[in-house]
Protein backbone atom coordinates (compact mmCIF):
# COMPACT_ATOMS: atom_id res chain seq x y z
CA UNK A 1 87.88 101.90 158.17
CA UNK A 2 87.68 99.27 155.45
CA UNK A 3 84.41 97.14 155.22
CA UNK A 4 84.58 93.43 154.25
CA UNK A 5 83.97 94.15 150.54
CA UNK A 6 86.67 96.66 150.39
CA UNK A 7 89.18 94.47 152.21
CA UNK A 8 88.58 91.75 149.72
CA UNK A 9 88.25 93.62 146.43
CA UNK A 10 90.55 96.53 147.04
CA UNK A 11 87.85 99.30 146.59
CA UNK A 12 84.82 100.78 148.42
CA UNK A 13 81.48 100.47 146.77
CA UNK A 14 80.32 103.87 145.32
CA UNK A 15 78.09 102.72 142.59
CA UNK A 16 76.80 99.71 140.65
CA UNK A 17 78.60 101.03 137.59
CA UNK A 18 81.86 101.32 139.62
CA UNK A 19 81.60 97.67 140.89
CA UNK A 20 80.88 96.49 137.20
CA UNK A 21 83.92 98.40 135.97
CA UNK A 22 86.17 97.00 138.76
CA UNK A 23 85.18 93.33 138.63
CA UNK A 24 85.41 90.74 136.06
CA UNK A 25 83.63 87.45 135.78
CA UNK A 26 85.19 84.71 133.76
CA UNK A 27 83.20 81.35 134.04
CA UNK A 28 83.28 80.63 137.78
CA UNK A 29 86.16 82.96 138.62
CA UNK A 30 85.53 86.50 140.02
CA UNK A 31 88.37 88.86 139.74
CA UNK A 32 89.07 92.29 141.27
CA UNK A 33 90.85 94.61 138.62
CA UNK A 34 91.95 96.83 141.33
CA UNK A 35 94.17 94.39 143.51
CA UNK A 36 94.12 91.30 141.33
CA UNK A 37 92.53 89.01 143.87
CA UNK A 38 90.45 86.07 142.33
CA UNK A 39 87.58 84.11 143.92
CA UNK A 40 85.76 81.03 142.83
CA UNK A 41 81.96 81.40 142.73
CA UNK A 42 79.03 79.42 141.78
CA UNK A 43 75.15 79.49 141.94
CA UNK A 44 73.32 79.23 145.14
CA UNK A 45 70.37 76.89 145.12
CA UNK A 46 67.90 77.48 148.05
CA UNK A 47 65.27 74.89 148.44
CA UNK A 48 61.61 75.54 148.80
CA UNK A 49 59.64 74.42 151.91
CA UNK A 50 57.99 71.92 149.47
CA UNK A 51 61.24 70.44 148.48
CA UNK A 52 62.45 70.26 151.98
CA UNK A 53 59.33 68.32 152.86
CA UNK A 54 59.79 65.93 149.86
CA UNK A 55 63.35 65.35 150.95
CA UNK A 56 62.38 64.41 154.66
CA UNK A 57 59.65 62.22 153.46
CA UNK A 58 62.10 60.43 151.12
CA UNK A 59 64.48 59.80 154.07
CA UNK A 60 61.68 57.84 156.01
CA UNK A 61 62.57 59.68 159.16
CA UNK A 62 60.33 60.68 162.06
CA UNK A 63 61.33 63.99 163.70
CA UNK A 64 59.90 62.87 166.97
CA UNK A 65 62.82 60.25 167.19
CA UNK A 66 65.60 63.09 167.14
CA UNK A 67 66.90 64.20 170.59
CA UNK A 68 69.07 67.20 170.73
CA UNK A 69 71.45 67.56 173.69
CA UNK A 70 70.36 70.47 175.83
CA UNK A 71 74.09 71.75 175.88
CA UNK A 72 73.85 72.11 172.09
CA UNK A 73 70.42 73.72 172.05
CA UNK A 74 70.34 77.54 171.70
CA UNK A 75 66.61 78.03 172.04
CA UNK A 76 65.37 79.56 175.09
CA UNK A 77 61.89 79.83 176.56
CA UNK A 78 60.32 83.34 177.48
CA UNK A 79 61.61 84.56 180.71
CA UNK A 80 64.20 81.79 181.26
CA UNK A 81 68.01 81.84 180.88
CA UNK A 82 67.97 78.00 180.82
CA UNK A 83 68.09 76.25 177.35
CA UNK A 84 64.78 74.97 176.28
């Protein structure tokens, strides 16, 4: 059974060296040398908690003002099957 990587790239991962041999990166294009498929790629930027706090402060929003419909909430309290 193929895993997601083999399904996309055309080969199963056996070693780091094999992956480096079978893939090429040209700018923002990742290509499989096995099946010829090409994919766009870019850098992933994850914000720190501090950066998120700064963004929230700059929006001048108050979290207490937000109301989320219960039908869209996936949190559950302990011992209950009802939405929180």
